[in-house]
Amino acid sequence: MPTSKPRTGWLRGRNLTGMDALPVWDQGTPAILCVAGPHPIPVSTAVRAGDDRVLFALGRKRDTLQFLRDDSRAAFCLLGEGVAFTAHGNAWVVAEQLDASDRVVAVELRVERLQDHLADGRTEMLDGPRWRWRDEEFGEAEEQIVAELSGL
C-alpha cells in the first residue's frame, strides 16, 4: 500500500503504447529517472515488478524524492543489452523504510505508457553503461535492497 498517493494524472486503466508490457532487463542495468523540474538522476536498483510496474530505491536525502512527493509524474529510461525503452507514469513511495538500508526508500512507478526505442529496427543495444560501486558496503547493501524490493 503506497504511503503517499500520486497527486495527478494516474490512470487506473493501462494505456501502454509501443510495447505491450515492460521488457525484461539484466539486474543492475542503470536507468535514468526523470521527474518534474526536469530533474534526471541515475538509478541502479530498478526491479521489474510486473507488466506495468517498476520498483526502485531512492536515497532518502535526494531532492528527487521531494519532487516526486510534490508531483508524481515521472519517466524511467533504461538502456541495456538488447533493450531500450522509456516508461512514463506516476511514481510514489511504497515503503518509507527498508530493512536492508536506512539510507533509501522504496518507490513504485506505475507505467501508463511505454516507448520502445528499438521498435523501428534501425538500431540495437549491444551493451549498457558499465559501472561499479567504489565502496563495497554500498554494493553489498544493493543486493539486499534489490531482494527486498522484489518482495514488495
C-alpha atoms as a PDB file:
ATOM      1  CA  MET A   1       0.000   0.000   0.000  1.00  0.00           C
ATOM      2  CA  PRO A   2       1.528   3.338  -1.042  1.00  0.00           C
ATOM      3  CA  THR A   3       2.456   5.697   1.766  1.00  0.00           C
ATOM      4  CA  SER A   4       1.833   8.680  -0.495  1.00  0.00           C
ATOM      5  CA  LYS A   5      -0.509   8.547  -3.482  1.00  0.00           C
ATOM      6  CA  PRO A   6       0.086  10.279  -6.793  1.00  0.00           C
ATOM      7  CA  ARG A   7      -1.343  13.768  -6.997  1.00  0.00           C
ATOM      8  CA  THR A   8      -2.428  13.963 -10.596  1.00  0.00           C
ATOM      9  CA  GLY A   9      -2.719  12.058 -13.811  1.00  0.00           C
ATOM     10  CA  TRP A  10      -2.694   8.468 -12.599  1.00  0.00           C
ATOM     11  CA  LEU A  11      -4.841   6.327 -14.864  1.00  0.00           C
ATOM     12  CA  ARG A  12      -6.481   3.232 -13.466  1.00  0.00           C
ATOM     13  CA  GLY A  13      -6.601   1.655 -16.923  1.00  0.00           C
ATOM     14  CA  ARG A  14      -3.377   0.991 -18.780  1.00  0.00           C
ATOM     15  CA  ASN A  15      -2.505   2.911 -21.913  1.00  0.00           C
ATOM     16  CA  LEU A  16       0.694   1.221 -22.977  1.00  0.00           C
ATOM     17  CA  THR A  17       1.868   2.145 -26.474  1.00  0.00           C
ATOM     18  CA  GLY A  18       4.779   0.900 -28.499  1.00  0.00           C
ATOM     19  CA  MET A  19       5.121  -2.158 -26.266  1.00  0.00           C
ATOM     20  CA  ASP A  20       2.566  -4.397 -24.619  1.00  0.00           C
ATOM     21  CA  ALA A  21       4.459  -4.694 -21.339  1.00  0.00           C
ATOM     22  CA  LEU A  22       7.704  -3.761 -19.663  1.00  0.00           C
ATOM     23  CA  PRO A  23      10.568  -5.772 -21.121  1.00  0.00           C
ATOM     24  CA  VAL A  24      12.926  -7.830 -19.004  1.00  0.00           C
ATOM     25  CA  TRP A  25      16.411  -6.456 -18.306  1.00  0.00           C
ATOM     26  CA  ASP A  26      19.530  -7.638 -16.511  1.00  0.00           C
ATOM     27  CA  GLN A  27      19.613  -6.728 -12.829  1.00  0.00           C
ATOM     28  CA  GLY A  28      21.940  -3.817 -12.236  1.00  0.00           C
ATOM     29  CA  THR A  29      21.310  -2.196 -15.608  1.00  0.00           C
ATOM     30  CA  PRO A  30      21.368   1.503 -14.815  1.00  0.00           C
ATOM     31  CA  ALA A  31      18.477   3.736 -15.804  1.00  0.00           C
ATOM     32  CA  ILE A  32      17.646   7.420 -15.636  1.00  0.00           C
ATOM     33  CA  LEU A  33      14.639   8.588 -13.636  1.00  0.00           C
ATOM     34  CA  CYS A  34      13.280  11.961 -14.769  1.00  0.00           C
ATOM     35  CA  VAL A  35      10.890  13.841 -12.528  1.00  0.00           C
ATOM     36  CA  ALA A  36       9.298  17.286 -12.647  1.00  0.00           C
ATOM     37  CA  GLY A  37      11.802  20.058 -12.834  1.00  0.00           C
ATOM     38  CA  PRO A  38      13.034  18.468 -15.077  1.00  0.00           C
ATOM     39  CA  HIS A  39      15.303  16.593 -12.740  1.00  0.00           C
ATOM     40  CA  PRO A  40      17.044  13.423 -14.061  1.00  0.00           C
ATOM     41  CA  ILE A  41      19.065  11.075 -11.838  1.00  0.00           C
ATOM     42  CA  PRO A  42      20.646   7.651 -12.339  1.00  0.00           C
ATOM     43  CA  VAL A  43      19.012   4.617 -10.725  1.00  0.00           C
ATOM     44  CA  SER A  44      20.807   1.287 -10.279  1.00  0.00           C
ATOM     45  CA  THR A  45      18.267  -0.734  -8.287  1.00  0.00           C
ATOM     46  CA  ALA A  46      15.351  -0.984 -10.754  1.00  0.00           C
ATOM     47  CA  VAL A  47      13.293  -4.155 -10.437  1.00  0.00           C
ATOM     48  CA  ARG A  48      10.622  -5.193 -12.946  1.00  0.00           C
ATOM     49  CA  ALA A  49       7.614  -5.951 -10.732  1.00  0.00           C
ATOM     50  CA  GLY A  50       5.051  -6.710 -13.433  1.00  0.00           C
ATOM     51  CA  ASP A  51       3.981  -5.685 -16.914  1.00  0.00           C
ATOM     52  CA  ASP A  52       3.317  -2.110 -15.809  1.00  0.00           C
ATOM     53  CA  ARG A  53       5.226  -1.693 -12.554  1.00  0.00           C
ATOM     54  CA  VAL A  54       8.854  -0.847 -11.678  1.00  0.00           C
ATOM     55  CA  LEU A  55      10.251  -0.687  -8.140  1.00  0.00           C
ATOM     56  CA  PHE A  56      13.481   1.053  -7.195  1.00  0.00           C
ATOM     57  CA  ALA A  57      15.250   2.562  -4.214  1.00  0.00           C
ATOM     58  CA  LEU A  58      15.931   6.285  -3.856  1.00  0.00           C
ATOM     59  CA  GLY A  59      18.196   7.911  -1.322  1.00  0.00           C
ATOM     60  CA  ARG A  60      16.036   9.444   1.364  1.00  0.00           C
ATOM     61  CA  LYS A  61      18.012  12.718   1.214  1.00  0.00           C
ATOM     62  CA  ARG A  62      17.694  13.129  -2.573  1.00  0.00           C
ATOM     63  CA  ASP A  63      15.897  16.182  -3.920  1.00  0.00           C
ATOM     64  CA  THR A  64      14.203  13.805  -6.364  1.00  0.00           C
ATOM     65  CA  LEU A  65      12.240  12.255  -3.545  1.00  0.00           C
ATOM     66  CA  GLN A  66      10.705  15.594  -2.576  1.00  0.00           C
ATOM     67  CA  PHE A  67       9.989  16.390  -6.232  1.00  0.00           C
ATOM     68  CA  LEU A  68       8.072  13.081  -6.509  1.00  0.00           C
ATOM     69  CA  ARG A  69       6.132  13.807  -3.349  1.00  0.00           C
ATOM     70  CA  ASP A  70       5.086  17.151  -4.878  1.00  0.00           C
ATOM     71  CA  ASP A  71       4.395  15.854  -8.401  1.00  0.00           C
ATOM     72  CA  SER A  72       4.241  12.128  -9.087  1.00  0.00           C
ATOM     73  CA  ARG A  73       4.747  12.311 -12.865  1.00  0.00           C
ATOM     74  CA  ALA A  74       7.911  10.514 -13.921  1.00  0.00           C
ATOM     75  CA  ALA A  75       9.726   8.930 -16.844  1.00  0.00           C
ATOM     76  CA  PHE A  76      12.105   6.000 -16.462  1.00  0.00           C
ATOM     77  CA  CYS A  77      14.570   5.413 -19.319  1.00  0.00           C
ATOM     78  CA  LEU A  78      16.587   2.192 -19.404  1.00  0.00           C
ATOM     79  CA  LEU A  79      19.280   1.358 -21.974  1.00  0.00           C
ATOM     80  CA  GLY A  80      20.865  -2.072 -21.693  1.00  0.00           C
ATOM     81  CA  GLU A  81      21.895  -5.055 -23.743  1.00  0.00           C
ATOM     82  CA  GLY A  82      19.014  -5.807 -26.115  1.00  0.00           C
ATOM     83  CA  VAL A  83      16.651  -3.260 -24.572  1.00  0.00           C
ATOM     84  CA  ALA A  84      15.977   0.474 -24.813  1.00  0.00           C
ATOM     85  CA  PHE A  85      12.726   1.965 -23.547  1.00  0.00           C
ATOM     86  CA  THR A  86      11.156   4.790 -21.609  1.00  0.00           C
ATOM     87  CA  ALA A  87       8.309   4.103 -19.205  1.00  0.00           C
ATOM     88  CA  HIS A  88       6.063   7.072 -18.445  1.00  0.00           C
ATOM     89  CA  GLY A  89       3.727   7.147 -15.479  1.00  0.00           C
ATOM     90  CA  ASN A  90       3.430   8.136 -11.850  1.00  0.00           C
ATOM     91  CA  ALA A  91       5.750   7.217  -9.009  1.00  0.00           C
ATOM     92  CA  TRP A  92       5.307   7.314  -5.265  1.00  0.00           C
ATOM     93  CA  VAL A  93       6.873   5.962  -2.101  1.00  0.00           C
ATOM     94  CA  VAL A  94       5.609   2.486  -1.185  1.00  0.00           C
ATOM     95  CA  ALA A  95       7.931   1.921   1.798  1.00  0.00           C
ATOM     96  CA  GLU A  96       9.461   4.722   3.842  1.00  0.00           C
ATOM     97  CA  GLN A  97      11.965   2.301   5.342  1.00  0.00           C
ATOM     98  CA  LEU A  98      13.721  -0.819   4.103  1.00  0.00           C
ATOM     99  CA  ASP A  99      15.282  -3.400   6.375  1.00  0.00           C
ATOM    100  CA  ALA A 100      18.256  -3.625   4.009  1.00  0.00           C
ATOM    101  CA  SER A 101      19.272   0.023   4.386  1.00  0.00           C
ATOM    102  CA  ASP A 102      18.159   3.059   6.350  1.00  0.00           C
ATOM    103  CA  ARG A 103      19.533   5.297   3.553  1.00  0.00           C
ATOM    104  CA  VAL A 104      16.804   4.601   0.995  1.00  0.00           C
ATOM    105  CA  VAL A 105      13.045   4.419   0.483  1.00  0.00           C
ATOM    106  CA  ALA A 106      11.181   2.138  -1.939  1.00  0.00           C
ATOM    107  CA  VAL A 107       9.472   3.837  -4.878  1.00  0.00           C
ATOM    108  CA  GLU A 108       6.959   2.337  -7.293  1.00  0.00           C
ATOM    109  CA  LEU A 109       6.436   3.581 -10.837  1.00  0.00           C
ATOM    110  CA  ARG A 110       3.061   2.642 -12.341  1.00  0.00           C
ATOM    111  CA  VAL A 111       3.507   2.683 -16.095  1.00  0.00           C
ATOM    112  CA  GLU A 112       0.858   4.351 -18.226  1.00  0.00           C
ATOM    113  CA  ARG A 113       2.785   4.491 -21.492  1.00  0.00           C
ATOM    114  CA  LEU A 114       5.843   2.744 -22.899  1.00  0.00           C
ATOM    115  CA  GLN A 115       8.133   3.829 -25.700  1.00  0.00           C
ATOM    116  CA  ASP A 116      10.216   1.118 -27.360  1.00  0.00           C
ATOM    117  CA  HIS A 117      13.317   2.894 -28.679  1.00  0.00           C
ATOM    118  CA  LEU A 118      14.276  -0.154 -30.757  1.00  0.00           C
ATOM    119  CA  ALA A 119      10.854  -0.702 -32.355  1.00  0.00           C
ATOM    120  CA  ASP A 120      11.792   0.503 -35.817  1.00  0.00           C
ATOM    121  CA  GLY A 121      14.658  -1.998 -36.047  1.00  0.00           C
ATOM    122  CA  ARG A 122      17.258   0.559 -37.176  1.00  0.00           C
ATOM    123  CA  THR A 123      19.406   0.088 -34.098  1.00  0.00           C
ATOM    124  CA  GLU A 124      20.141  -2.480 -31.425  1.00  0.00           C
ATOM    125  CA  MET A 125      21.646  -2.161 -27.976  1.00  0.00           C
ATOM    126  CA  LEU A 126      24.845  -4.195 -27.768  1.00  0.00           C
ATOM    127  CA  ASP A 127      25.590  -3.324 -24.177  1.00  0.00           C
ATOM    128  CA  GLY A 128      24.559  -0.934 -21.454  1.00  0.00           C
ATOM    129  CA  PRO A 129      26.540   1.559 -19.420  1.00  0.00           C
ATOM    130  CA  ARG A 130      29.171  -0.122 -17.279  1.00  0.00           C
ATOM    131  CA  TRP A 131      29.541   0.916 -13.662  1.00  0.00           C
ATOM    132  CA  ARG A 132      30.519  -0.401 -10.249  1.00  0.00           C
ATOM    133  CA  TRP A 133      30.332   0.578  -6.618  1.00  0.00           C
ATOM    134  CA  ARG A 134      33.590   2.013  -5.315  1.00  0.00           C
ATOM    135  CA  ASP A 135      32.553   1.303  -1.733  1.00  0.00           C
ATOM    136  CA  GLU A 136      31.903  -2.402  -1.028  1.00  0.00           C
ATOM    137  CA  GLU A 137      29.416  -1.522   1.709  1.00  0.00           C
ATOM    138  CA  PHE A 138      27.060   0.026  -0.861  1.00  0.00           C
ATOM    139  CA  GLY A 139      27.468  -2.921  -3.227  1.00  0.00           C
ATOM    140  CA  GLU A 140      26.602  -5.408  -0.507  1.00  0.00           C
ATOM    141  CA  ALA A 141      23.577  -3.364   0.562  1.00  0.00           C
ATOM    142  CA  GLU A 142      22.329  -3.148  -3.030  1.00  0.00           C
ATOM    143  CA  GLU A 143      21.872  -6.918  -3.290  1.00  0.00           C
ATOM    144  CA  GLN A 144      19.774  -6.864  -0.122  1.00  0.00           C
ATOM    145  CA  ILE A 145      17.819  -3.807  -1.307  1.00  0.00           C
ATOM    146  CA  VAL A 146      17.006  -5.464  -4.646  1.00  0.00           C
ATOM    147  CA  ALA A 147      15.884  -8.618  -2.840  1.00  0.00           C
ATOM    148  CA  GLU A 148      13.629  -6.584  -0.569  1.00  0.00           C
ATOM    149  CA  LEU A 149      12.195  -4.575  -3.492  1.00  0.00           C
ATOM    150  CA  SER A 150      11.441  -7.823  -5.315  1.00  0.00           C
ATOM    151  CA  GLY A 151       9.255  -8.850  -2.378  1.00  0.00           C
ATOM    152  CA  LEU A 152       7.083  -5.719  -2.445  1.00  0.00           C
END
